[in-house]
Structure formats: structure tokens, C-alpha cells
Amino acid sequence: MVRAATAPEAVPATPAPEPFGAACRASVQGSHVVAYCHNPYPDTDRVALHTDCAMWWDLDADAAPVDVAPGQTVRLTDRCWKGVGAVWMTHQKVS
């Protein structure tokens, strides 16, 4: 018995995710950190600045989250006593 080949079933297209997230840039000057986040999208982005201090005895910091509304720019600051090891931002969609 010979069977005819059938075309595979079409996979339904998943919609592309809507763009989200404030664009953030951070600068380090000595032991001070300044970050600016601008949100060009229609959903509010809750951003938080995280600072990892270079010295083992210097306390790392996680700043309180700040809501960045559409079209808004926010400034976040932090500092270490003796040098900054790393800086990063986290983003959370606000419902």
C-alpha cells in the first residue's frame, strides 16, 4: 500500500511581544553611581539600581524601585565607600 505524503499542519503564528523596558545608562565616577532611565514605550517600567561594591567590607546596595511612566526619564544614584565593582538595572512591568 502506498500512502500519499501530506503537508505538515500549519503552526499558528504567535504574535510578537510588544516592546517594553526603559533604556538605562549608568556612569561611575570614583565611588558614585548615577543612572538615567528613559521609557519610550506605553507601559510603565519599574526599574531598580543595583550596586556591587569593590571592597569585601563595603555594603552592596539595592535601591528602591522607581516607576518610569511612558515618556518619562528618571535619575537614580548610589555610592560605595571605596570603589564600585559592578552596576546593573532590573526591570519589572507594572500592571
N, C-alpha and C. Protein backbone atom coordinates (compact mmCIF):
# COMPACT_ATOMS: atom_id res chain seq x y z
N MET A 1 0.84 -1.17 0.00
CA MET A 1 0.00 0.00 0.00
C MET A 1 0.89 1.24 0.00
N VAL A 2 0.56 2.17 -0.82
CA VAL A 2 1.32 3.41 -0.95
C VAL A 2 0.48 4.54 -0.37
N ARG A 3 1.08 5.34 0.49
CA ARG A 3 0.36 6.47 1.07
C ARG A 3 0.92 7.76 0.48
N ALA A 4 0.04 8.69 0.26
CA ALA A 4 0.46 9.99 -0.26
C ALA A 4 0.99 10.84 0.89
N ALA A 5 2.01 11.59 0.59
CA ALA A 5 2.57 12.49 1.61
C ALA A 5 1.62 13.66 1.82
N THR A 6 1.47 14.06 3.06
CA THR A 6 0.61 15.22 3.36
C THR A 6 1.48 16.36 3.88
N ALA A 7 1.01 17.55 3.63
CA ALA A 7 1.74 18.73 4.11
C ALA A 7 1.60 18.82 5.63
N PRO A 8 2.65 19.25 6.28
CA PRO A 8 2.54 19.39 7.74
C PRO A 8 1.51 20.47 8.09
N GLU A 9 0.89 20.28 9.24
CA GLU A 9 -0.09 21.26 9.66
C GLU A 9 0.60 22.59 9.93
N ALA A 10 -0.07 23.66 9.56
CA ALA A 10 0.50 24.99 9.77
C ALA A 10 0.51 25.31 11.26
N VAL A 11 1.62 25.81 11.70
CA VAL A 11 1.76 26.22 13.10
C VAL A 11 1.20 27.63 13.22
N PRO A 12 0.28 27.85 14.17
CA PRO A 12 -0.27 29.20 14.30
C PRO A 12 0.84 30.19 14.68
N ALA A 13 0.79 31.33 14.05
CA ALA A 13 1.80 32.35 14.32
C ALA A 13 1.56 32.97 15.69
N THR A 14 2.61 33.08 16.46
CA THR A 14 2.49 33.74 17.75
C THR A 14 2.78 35.22 17.55
N PRO A 15 1.99 36.05 18.17
CA PRO A 15 2.22 37.49 17.99
C PRO A 15 3.55 37.90 18.61
N ALA A 16 4.20 38.85 17.98
CA ALA A 16 5.47 39.36 18.52
C ALA A 16 5.19 40.09 19.82
N PRO A 17 6.06 39.93 20.81
CA PRO A 17 5.84 40.64 22.07
C PRO A 17 5.95 42.14 21.85
N GLU A 18 5.13 42.88 22.59
CA GLU A 18 5.18 44.33 22.48
C GLU A 18 6.48 44.82 23.11
N PRO A 19 7.09 45.84 22.51
CA PRO A 19 8.33 46.35 23.09
C PRO A 19 8.09 46.89 24.50
N PHE A 20 9.07 46.67 25.36
CA PHE A 20 8.94 47.09 26.76
C PHE A 20 10.31 47.34 27.34
N GLY A 21 10.39 48.24 28.26
CA GLY A 21 11.59 48.44 29.05
C GLY A 21 12.26 49.77 28.79
N ALA A 22 12.53 50.46 29.87
CA ALA A 22 13.23 51.73 29.78
C ALA A 22 14.68 51.48 29.37
N ALA A 23 15.21 52.40 28.58
CA ALA A 23 16.62 52.34 28.22
C ALA A 23 17.40 53.05 29.33
N CYS A 24 18.35 52.34 29.92
CA CYS A 24 19.10 52.90 31.05
C CYS A 24 20.58 52.99 30.72
N ARG A 25 21.20 54.04 31.21
CA ARG A 25 22.66 54.16 31.09
C ARG A 25 23.19 54.61 32.44
N ALA A 26 24.26 53.99 32.86
CA ALA A 26 24.85 54.30 34.17
C ALA A 26 26.29 54.74 33.99
N SER A 27 26.71 55.64 34.85
CA SER A 27 28.11 56.05 34.85
C SER A 27 28.64 55.98 36.27
N VAL A 28 29.92 55.65 36.37
CA VAL A 28 30.59 55.54 37.65
C VAL A 28 31.71 56.56 37.70
N GLN A 29 31.69 57.39 38.73
CA GLN A 29 32.75 58.36 38.97
C GLN A 29 33.30 58.09 40.37
N GLY A 30 34.44 57.40 40.44
CA GLY A 30 35.00 57.05 41.74
C GLY A 30 34.10 56.06 42.45
N SER A 31 33.50 56.49 43.57
CA SER A 31 32.62 55.61 44.32
C SER A 31 31.14 55.97 44.14
N HIS A 32 30.83 56.89 43.22
CA HIS A 32 29.46 57.32 42.99
C HIS A 32 28.90 56.75 41.68
N VAL A 33 27.64 56.35 41.71
CA VAL A 33 26.95 55.81 40.53
C VAL A 33 25.74 56.71 40.23
N VAL A 34 25.59 57.08 38.97
CA VAL A 34 24.42 57.82 38.52
C VAL A 34 23.86 57.08 37.31
N ALA A 35 22.56 56.82 37.32
CA ALA A 35 21.91 56.15 36.21
C ALA A 35 20.70 56.96 35.76
N TYR A 36 20.51 57.02 34.45
CA TYR A 36 19.34 57.65 33.86
C TYR A 36 18.59 56.58 33.08
N CYS A 37 17.27 56.53 33.27
CA CYS A 37 16.43 55.59 32.54
C CYS A 37 15.31 56.36 31.86
N HIS A 38 15.16 56.12 30.56
CA HIS A 38 14.08 56.76 29.79
C HIS A 38 13.19 55.67 29.22
N ASN A 39 11.88 55.85 29.38
CA ASN A 39 10.90 54.87 28.91
C ASN A 39 10.16 55.40 27.69
N PRO A 40 10.47 54.92 26.48
CA PRO A 40 9.77 55.39 25.29
C PRO A 40 8.49 54.60 24.98
N TYR A 41 8.16 53.60 25.80
CA TYR A 41 7.05 52.70 25.49
C TYR A 41 5.79 53.05 26.30
N PRO A 42 4.63 52.52 25.90
CA PRO A 42 3.37 52.90 26.55
C PRO A 42 3.11 52.25 27.92
N ASP A 43 3.90 51.28 28.32
CA ASP A 43 3.71 50.63 29.63
C ASP A 43 4.74 51.14 30.62
N THR A 44 4.30 51.30 31.87
CA THR A 44 5.20 51.76 32.93
C THR A 44 6.20 50.66 33.27
N ASP A 45 7.46 51.06 33.45
CA ASP A 45 8.55 50.14 33.79
C ASP A 45 9.03 50.49 35.19
N ARG A 46 9.09 49.50 36.06
CA ARG A 46 9.62 49.70 37.41
C ARG A 46 11.09 49.29 37.39
N VAL A 47 11.99 50.26 37.55
CA VAL A 47 13.42 50.00 37.47
C VAL A 47 14.05 50.10 38.86
N ALA A 48 15.13 49.36 39.06
CA ALA A 48 15.88 49.43 40.30
C ALA A 48 17.37 49.37 39.97
N LEU A 49 18.14 50.17 40.67
CA LEU A 49 19.59 50.23 40.51
C LEU A 49 20.23 49.31 41.54
N HIS A 50 21.16 48.50 41.09
CA HIS A 50 21.87 47.57 41.98
C HIS A 50 23.37 47.87 41.86
N THR A 51 24.02 48.03 43.00
CA THR A 51 25.44 48.37 43.03
C THR A 51 26.20 47.34 43.84
N ASP A 52 27.22 46.78 43.23
CA ASP A 52 28.11 45.82 43.88
C ASP A 52 29.41 46.55 44.16
N CYS A 53 29.71 46.75 45.44
CA CYS A 53 30.92 47.49 45.82
C CYS A 53 32.17 46.62 45.68
N ALA A 54 33.28 47.27 45.39
CA ALA A 54 34.52 46.56 45.11
C ALA A 54 35.15 45.91 46.35
N MET A 55 35.04 46.57 47.47
CA MET A 55 35.69 46.06 48.69
C MET A 55 34.77 45.08 49.41
N TRP A 56 35.33 44.03 49.98
CA TRP A 56 34.53 42.99 50.63
C TRP A 56 33.77 43.53 51.84
N TRP A 57 34.30 44.55 52.50
CA TRP A 57 33.67 45.08 53.71
C TRP A 57 32.66 46.20 53.41
N ASP A 58 32.58 46.62 52.17
CA ASP A 58 31.66 47.68 51.76
C ASP A 58 30.31 47.06 51.40
N LEU A 59 29.24 47.60 51.95
CA LEU A 59 27.91 47.02 51.73
C LEU A 59 27.41 47.27 50.31
N ASP A 60 26.98 46.20 49.65
CA ASP A 60 26.35 46.33 48.34
C ASP A 60 24.97 46.96 48.55
N ALA A 61 24.43 47.55 47.50
CA ALA A 61 23.16 48.27 47.65
C ALA A 61 22.18 47.89 46.55
N ASP A 62 20.93 47.77 46.93
CA ASP A 62 19.81 47.59 46.01
C ASP A 62 18.86 48.75 46.28
N ALA A 63 18.81 49.70 45.36
CA ALA A 63 17.97 50.88 45.55
C ALA A 63 16.50 50.51 45.47
N ALA A 64 15.67 51.34 46.08
CA ALA A 64 14.22 51.14 45.99
C ALA A 64 13.78 51.31 44.54
N PRO A 65 12.85 50.47 44.07
CA PRO A 65 12.39 50.57 42.70
C PRO A 65 11.67 51.90 42.45
N VAL A 66 11.80 52.38 41.21
CA VAL A 66 11.17 53.63 40.79
C VAL A 66 10.36 53.34 39.53
N ASP A 67 9.12 53.83 39.49
CA ASP A 67 8.29 53.66 38.31
C ASP A 67 8.65 54.71 37.27
N VAL A 68 8.88 54.25 36.03
CA VAL A 68 9.18 55.15 34.91
C VAL A 68 7.97 55.10 33.98
N ALA A 69 7.18 56.17 34.01
CA ALA A 69 5.98 56.24 33.18
C ALA A 69 6.37 56.44 31.72
N PRO A 70 5.44 56.21 30.79
CA PRO A 70 5.73 56.43 29.37
C PRO A 70 6.22 57.85 29.10
N GLY A 71 7.32 57.95 28.37
CA GLY A 71 7.88 59.25 28.02
C GLY A 71 8.64 59.93 29.14
N GLN A 72 8.84 59.27 30.26
CA GLN A 72 9.49 59.87 31.41
C GLN A 72 10.94 59.40 31.52
N THR A 73 11.78 60.27 32.09
CA THR A 73 13.17 59.93 32.40
C THR A 73 13.37 60.09 33.90
N VAL A 74 14.02 59.11 34.52
CA VAL A 74 14.32 59.20 35.95
C VAL A 74 15.82 59.12 36.16
N ARG A 75 16.26 59.67 37.29
CA ARG A 75 17.68 59.64 37.68
C ARG A 75 17.77 58.86 38.98
N LEU A 76 18.68 57.87 39.01
CA LEU A 76 18.90 57.07 40.21
C LEU A 76 20.37 57.21 40.61
N THR A 77 20.63 57.25 41.89
CA THR A 77 22.02 57.39 42.37
C THR A 77 22.29 56.38 43.48
N ASP A 78 23.57 56.08 43.64
CA ASP A 78 24.02 55.20 44.70
C ASP A 78 25.51 55.45 44.90
N ARG A 79 26.07 54.87 45.95
CA ARG A 79 27.51 55.03 46.17
C ARG A 79 28.05 53.90 47.03
N CYS A 80 29.34 53.71 46.91
CA CYS A 80 30.10 52.81 47.77
C CYS A 80 31.11 53.66 48.52
N TRP A 81 31.70 53.12 49.56
CA TRP A 81 32.72 53.88 50.28
C TRP A 81 34.03 53.92 49.51
N LYS A 82 34.41 52.79 48.91
CA LYS A 82 35.72 52.69 48.25
C LYS A 82 35.63 51.94 46.93
N GLY A 83 35.07 52.51 45.93
CA GLY A 83 35.07 51.90 44.60
C GLY A 83 33.88 51.02 44.31
N VAL A 84 33.48 51.03 43.06
CA VAL A 84 32.33 50.26 42.58
C VAL A 84 32.82 49.07 41.77
N GLY A 85 32.31 47.88 42.08
CA GLY A 85 32.68 46.68 41.35
C GLY A 85 31.82 46.44 40.13
N ALA A 86 30.50 46.60 40.29
CA ALA A 86 29.56 46.36 39.18
C ALA A 86 28.27 47.13 39.44
N VAL A 87 27.59 47.45 38.35
CA VAL A 87 26.31 48.16 38.42
C VAL A 87 25.37 47.52 37.40
N TRP A 88 24.11 47.30 37.78
CA TRP A 88 23.13 46.81 36.82
C TRP A 88 21.75 47.29 37.22
N MET A 89 20.84 47.20 36.27
CA MET A 89 19.45 47.62 36.47
C MET A 89 18.54 46.41 36.31
N THR A 90 17.43 46.40 37.06
CA THR A 90 16.41 45.40 36.84
C THR A 90 15.13 46.13 36.40
N HIS A 91 14.31 45.43 35.64
CA HIS A 91 13.08 45.99 35.08
C HIS A 91 11.90 45.09 35.44
N GLN A 92 10.77 45.71 35.74
CA GLN A 92 9.56 44.95 36.04
C GLN A 92 8.38 45.70 35.42
N LYS A 93 7.55 44.97 34.71
CA LYS A 93 6.36 45.56 34.10
C LYS A 93 5.33 45.82 35.19
N VAL A 94 4.78 47.04 35.21
CA VAL A 94 3.77 47.40 36.19
C VAL A 94 2.40 47.15 35.58
N SER A 95 1.59 46.37 36.27
CA SER A 95 0.26 46.01 35.73
C SER A 95 -0.72 47.13 35.91
